[in-house]
Amino acid sequence: MQLMHARLWLSLLFLVGCASVPPDQVRVVDGQLFRGKTALTPRFAAIDSFDVSPARREVVFSAKRTTNFDVGLVSLDGSDVHWIPEDPNDEVAVQWAPRGNKVSYIVHTPAGDIVRTVHVPTSVQVASDFPYATVRSLHWAPDGERYFVVVASPDASPRTESMRYDGTERRTEIAPKVKLDVDMEPLAGGLVLRPASMRYGERLPLVVWIAPRLLDWSDARGALLQRDRVACAIVTKPPGEAFWTAVRAVPWIDASKPLVQSATE
């Protein structure tokens, strides 16, 4: 009798476990996409995001195949994965537009993020770039004709922009609370900010700002640049000799007494 009760209990546990996952639900299990119990993809090092189009019965996803994240498409009914032509940079935050024939995703490049939209039936791609800026989020309008992005950059606090899916009619919906009057340019794998207007022969004290993300906004750094007339070099790791050599070659930077600031925000 006890054995029969144990078997019944195990059977109930099995049924509850199966019932907890709807047969059409797509989910990630250990770096692999599943629909119910059916594997839709091979196992990857990681999956950043995915989105399901019930109308097209397709899943768009971002997966790390080798060293970076690429975007692929797979059928809900099971098929080979079709990869969108890859970029050497990470392609993340995938989603379907509301009408289900376009996908969008964000490409992280050293010079700033790019929003790419792909018309799936024709494979036509459109890219909108955000120089020296980070796209924090993207949301489509219900009609699928326009999307909205929250953008931040070293020279401006987060703001909201919108544009048509093809990148046209771009406009600012919510302006940044803070916009610095600075110029930005690359320097030794980092980025340097300085006042937009410089006096002849002026040399600026140097602040080296070590940050986890190169192209994001910092309230503390913004306050510093509003208060003090300095050159601020943003880097993501402690500077080495190559950095200091590049700094000494810039005529308007005084690197004799640099201030190195490590930030975690």
Protein backbone atom coordinates (compact mmCIF):
# COMPACT_ATOMS: atom_id res chain seq x y z
CA MET A 1 0.00 0.00 0.00
CA GLN A 2 2.81 2.41 0.86
CA LEU A 3 4.51 1.63 -2.46
CA MET A 4 1.28 2.35 -4.36
CA HIS A 5 0.89 5.67 -2.53
CA ALA A 6 4.50 6.60 -3.35
CA ARG A 7 3.96 5.86 -7.05
CA LEU A 8 0.74 7.89 -7.04
CA TRP A 9 2.56 10.81 -5.39
CA LEU A 10 5.37 10.69 -7.96
CA SER A 11 2.81 10.60 -10.79
CA LEU A 12 1.06 13.65 -9.38
CA LEU A 13 4.38 15.50 -9.11
CA PHE A 14 5.16 14.66 -12.73
CA LEU A 15 1.76 15.92 -13.92
CA VAL A 16 2.08 19.13 -11.91
CA GLY A 17 5.54 19.69 -13.38
CA CYS A 18 4.28 19.21 -16.93
CA ALA A 19 1.23 21.40 -16.32
CA SER A 20 3.46 24.23 -15.07
CA VAL A 21 4.87 24.72 -18.59
CA PRO A 22 2.18 25.46 -21.24
CA PRO A 23 2.82 23.42 -24.41
CA ASP A 24 3.34 26.54 -26.58
CA GLN A 25 5.42 28.54 -24.09
CA VAL A 26 8.89 29.46 -25.33
CA ARG A 27 11.56 29.67 -22.64
CA VAL A 28 15.31 29.55 -22.14
CA VAL A 29 16.80 26.50 -20.46
CA ASP A 30 20.56 26.40 -19.97
CA GLY A 31 21.39 28.53 -23.03
CA GLN A 32 18.84 26.82 -25.28
CA LEU A 33 15.37 27.83 -26.56
CA PHE A 34 12.53 25.39 -25.91
CA ARG A 35 8.87 25.39 -26.92
CA GLY A 36 7.28 23.25 -24.28
CA LYS A 37 9.54 20.19 -24.23
CA THR A 38 10.76 20.66 -27.81
CA ALA A 39 14.23 22.16 -28.34
CA LEU A 40 14.13 24.90 -30.97
CA THR A 41 17.84 25.73 -31.01
CA PRO A 42 21.14 24.12 -30.12
CA ARG A 43 22.74 25.12 -26.83
CA PHE A 44 24.61 28.45 -26.86
CA ALA A 45 27.04 30.04 -24.43
CA ALA A 46 24.23 32.49 -23.52
CA ILE A 47 20.95 33.90 -24.81
CA ASP A 48 20.47 37.64 -24.32
CA SER A 49 16.82 37.97 -25.36
CA PHE A 50 14.05 36.53 -27.51
CA ASP A 51 10.59 37.48 -28.77
CA VAL A 52 7.79 35.39 -30.28
CA SER A 53 5.57 36.36 -33.22
CA PRO A 54 2.37 34.24 -32.99
CA ALA A 55 1.26 35.57 -36.39
CA ARG A 56 4.45 34.45 -38.15
CA ARG A 57 5.02 31.52 -35.79
CA GLU A 58 8.65 32.53 -35.50
CA VAL A 59 11.02 33.37 -32.68
CA VAL A 60 13.70 36.03 -33.02
CA PHE A 61 16.54 35.68 -30.52
CA SER A 62 20.00 36.96 -29.65
CA ALA A 63 22.53 34.26 -28.79
CA LYS A 64 26.24 34.14 -28.05
CA ARG A 65 27.65 31.65 -30.56
CA THR A 66 31.37 32.38 -30.08
CA THR A 67 32.65 35.69 -28.74
CA ASN A 68 29.66 37.95 -29.44
CA PHE A 69 25.85 37.93 -29.63
CA ASP A 70 24.20 37.37 -33.03
CA VAL A 71 20.52 37.50 -34.07
CA GLY A 72 18.72 34.46 -35.43
CA LEU A 73 15.23 33.32 -36.42
CA VAL A 74 13.68 29.94 -35.79
CA SER A 75 10.19 28.55 -36.48
CA LEU A 76 7.86 27.60 -33.63
CA ASP A 77 7.24 24.37 -35.51
CA GLY A 78 10.94 23.53 -35.56
CA SER A 79 13.39 24.37 -38.34
CA ASP A 80 17.00 25.23 -38.98
CA VAL A 81 18.11 28.52 -37.44
CA HIS A 82 18.35 31.35 -39.97
CA TRP A 83 20.93 33.92 -38.92
CA ILE A 84 20.59 37.59 -39.81
CA PRO A 85 23.92 38.67 -41.40
CA GLU A 86 26.16 39.08 -38.40
CA ASP A 87 28.00 42.08 -37.07
CA PRO A 88 31.38 41.80 -35.29
CA ASN A 89 29.76 43.62 -32.34
CA ASP A 90 27.10 42.42 -29.89
CA GLU A 91 23.53 42.43 -31.25
CA VAL A 92 21.06 42.40 -28.35
CA ALA A 93 17.54 43.35 -27.10
CA VAL A 94 15.63 41.75 -29.99
CA GLN A 95 11.91 42.27 -30.49
CA TRP A 96 9.18 42.05 -33.11
CA ALA A 97 7.41 45.19 -34.29
CA PRO A 98 3.66 45.06 -33.48
CA ARG A 99 2.60 44.12 -37.02
CA GLY A 100 4.95 41.15 -36.94
CA ASN A 101 6.94 41.58 -40.16
CA LYS A 102 9.87 43.57 -38.77
CA VAL A 103 12.37 42.91 -36.00
CA SER A 104 14.57 45.38 -34.20
CA TYR A 105 17.70 45.02 -32.12
CA ILE A 106 20.53 47.11 -30.68
CA VAL A 107 24.13 46.83 -31.84
CA HIS A 108 26.80 47.89 -29.32
CA THR A 109 29.78 49.37 -31.17
CA PRO A 110 32.83 51.21 -29.75
CA ALA A 111 31.66 54.43 -31.45
CA GLY A 112 28.10 54.26 -30.10
CA ASP A 113 24.98 52.12 -30.31
CA ILE A 114 23.02 51.39 -33.50
CA VAL A 115 19.35 50.44 -33.77
CA ARG A 116 18.83 48.07 -36.67
CA THR A 117 15.44 47.08 -38.08
CA VAL A 118 15.01 44.18 -40.49
CA HIS A 119 11.98 43.61 -42.73
CA VAL A 120 11.94 39.83 -42.44
CA PRO A 121 10.09 38.91 -45.69
CA THR A 122 12.56 40.91 -47.84
CA SER A 123 15.64 40.95 -45.55
CA VAL A 124 15.91 44.73 -46.05
CA GLN A 125 17.83 46.34 -43.18
CA VAL A 126 17.84 49.93 -41.93
CA ALA A 127 20.27 51.26 -39.31
CA SER A 128 20.00 54.38 -37.13
CA ASP A 129 23.17 55.35 -35.30
CA PHE A 130 23.65 57.09 -31.95
CA PRO A 131 27.24 58.39 -31.96
CA TYR A 132 29.01 58.16 -28.60
CA ALA A 133 25.72 57.16 -26.95
CA THR A 134 24.03 54.17 -25.32
CA VAL A 135 20.49 53.04 -26.17
CA ARG A 136 19.01 51.94 -22.84
CA SER A 137 15.62 50.72 -24.10
CA LEU A 138 13.43 50.60 -27.23
CA HIS A 139 9.64 50.42 -27.53
CA TRP A 140 7.48 50.29 -30.65
CA ALA A 141 4.34 52.37 -31.22
CA PRO A 142 1.22 50.16 -31.50
CA ASP A 143 0.97 50.68 -35.28
CA GLY A 144 4.56 49.49 -35.82
CA GLU A 145 5.47 52.61 -37.82
CA ARG A 146 7.55 54.35 -35.17
CA TYR A 147 9.74 53.41 -32.23
CA PHE A 148 10.92 55.25 -29.13
CA VAL A 149 14.34 54.94 -27.52
CA VAL A 150 15.79 56.08 -24.21
CA VAL A 151 19.32 57.29 -24.93
CA ALA A 152 22.15 58.40 -22.65
CA SER A 153 25.64 59.66 -23.45
CA PRO A 154 28.64 61.12 -21.58
CA ASP A 155 27.57 64.66 -22.53
CA ALA A 156 23.82 64.41 -21.81
CA SER A 157 21.56 62.73 -19.26
CA PRO A 158 18.91 60.25 -20.44
CA ARG A 159 16.40 61.54 -22.98
CA THR A 160 13.72 60.03 -25.21
CA GLU A 161 13.88 60.13 -29.00
CA SER A 162 11.59 58.67 -31.63
CA MET A 163 11.77 57.94 -35.35
CA ARG A 164 10.04 56.00 -38.06
CA TYR A 165 11.14 52.40 -38.54
CA ASP A 166 13.29 53.47 -41.52
CA GLY A 167 15.16 56.04 -39.40
CA THR A 168 13.44 59.13 -40.82
CA GLU A 169 11.48 61.84 -38.99
CA ARG A 170 13.78 61.61 -35.99
CA ARG A 171 12.90 63.90 -33.09
CA THR A 172 13.42 64.44 -29.38
CA GLU A 173 10.33 63.59 -27.34
CA ILE A 174 11.74 64.30 -23.86
CA ALA A 175 14.84 66.48 -23.63
CA PRO A 176 17.72 65.62 -21.26
CA LYS A 177 17.68 67.29 -17.86
CA VAL A 178 21.38 68.07 -18.28
CA LYS A 179 23.25 68.83 -21.51
CA LEU A 180 26.94 69.63 -21.14
CA ASP A 181 28.58 72.24 -23.35
CA VAL A 182 31.50 70.00 -24.28
CA ASP A 183 33.20 68.40 -27.25
CA MET A 184 33.98 64.67 -27.28
CA GLU A 185 36.65 62.74 -29.14
CA PRO A 186 38.28 59.30 -28.87
CA LEU A 187 41.55 58.95 -26.99
CA ALA A 188 43.61 55.76 -26.53
CA GLY A 189 40.60 53.43 -26.45
CA GLY A 190 38.63 55.83 -24.27
CA LEU A 191 36.86 59.14 -24.72
CA VAL A 192 37.90 62.65 -23.69
CA LEU A 193 35.52 65.53 -22.96
CA ARG A 194 36.58 69.19 -22.90
CA PRO A 195 34.84 72.60 -22.96
CA ALA A 196 33.36 73.37 -26.36
CA SER A 197 35.19 76.72 -26.49
CA MET A 198 38.91 76.89 -25.71
CA ARG A 199 41.19 79.86 -25.20
CA TYR A 200 44.33 80.13 -27.35
CA GLY A 201 47.17 78.13 -25.80
CA GLU A 202 45.01 76.90 -22.93
CA ARG A 203 46.01 73.66 -21.20
CA LEU A 204 43.39 71.91 -19.08
CA PRO A 205 43.96 69.89 -15.89
CA LEU A 206 43.27 66.20 -16.48
CA VAL A 207 40.72 64.03 -14.70
CA VAL A 208 40.77 60.33 -15.60
CA TRP A 209 37.37 58.78 -14.94
CA ILE A 210 37.34 54.97 -14.74
CA ALA A 211 33.77 53.83 -15.41
CA PRO A 212 32.09 50.47 -16.02
CA ARG A 213 30.49 51.75 -19.26
CA LEU A 214 32.30 54.10 -21.60
CA LEU A 215 29.34 55.75 -23.33
CA ASP A 216 26.85 56.18 -20.49
CA TRP A 217 25.86 59.23 -18.46
CA SER A 218 27.17 59.89 -14.93
CA ASP A 219 25.53 62.43 -12.60
CA ALA A 220 28.75 62.85 -10.62
CA ARG A 221 30.90 63.33 -13.70
CA GLY A 222 28.34 65.71 -15.16
CA ALA A 223 28.46 67.82 -11.99
CA LEU A 224 32.25 67.88 -12.17
CA LEU A 225 32.27 69.11 -15.77
CA GLN A 226 29.67 71.76 -15.01
CA ARG A 227 31.68 73.02 -12.04
CA ASP A 228 35.32 72.76 -13.18
CA ARG A 229 37.13 73.61 -16.39
CA VAL A 230 38.99 70.35 -16.99
CA ALA A 231 39.67 67.69 -19.57
CA CYS A 232 37.94 64.47 -18.54
CA ALA A 233 39.17 61.22 -20.04
CA ILE A 234 36.72 58.32 -19.63
CA VAL A 235 38.18 54.81 -19.63
CA THR A 236 36.89 51.39 -18.55
CA LYS A 237 40.09 50.09 -16.95
CA PRO A 238 43.08 51.59 -15.14
CA PRO A 239 45.19 53.47 -17.70
CA GLY A 240 48.49 51.99 -18.86
CA GLU A 241 51.56 53.48 -20.50
CA ALA A 242 49.92 53.62 -23.96
CA PHE A 243 47.19 55.84 -22.49
CA TRP A 244 49.63 58.22 -20.82
CA THR A 245 51.72 58.43 -23.99
CA ALA A 246 48.60 59.42 -25.97
CA VAL A 247 47.60 61.97 -23.32
CA ARG A 248 51.03 63.66 -23.33
CA ALA A 249 50.71 64.12 -27.10
CA VAL A 250 47.55 66.26 -26.74
CA PRO A 251 48.64 69.93 -26.59
CA TRP A 252 45.63 71.20 -24.62
CA ILE A 253 45.91 68.62 -21.81
CA ASP A 254 48.10 69.30 -18.75
CA ALA A 255 48.88 65.79 -17.47
CA SER A 256 51.46 66.88 -14.89
CA LYS A 257 49.08 66.27 -11.93
CA PRO A 258 46.24 64.05 -13.12
CA LEU A 259 43.36 63.12 -10.85
CA VAL A 260 42.27 59.49 -11.28
CA GLN A 261 38.68 58.85 -10.23
CA SER A 262 37.22 55.33 -10.06
CA ALA A 263 33.42 55.28 -10.37
CA THR A 264 30.95 52.42 -9.96
CA GLU A 265 27.72 54.09 -11.16
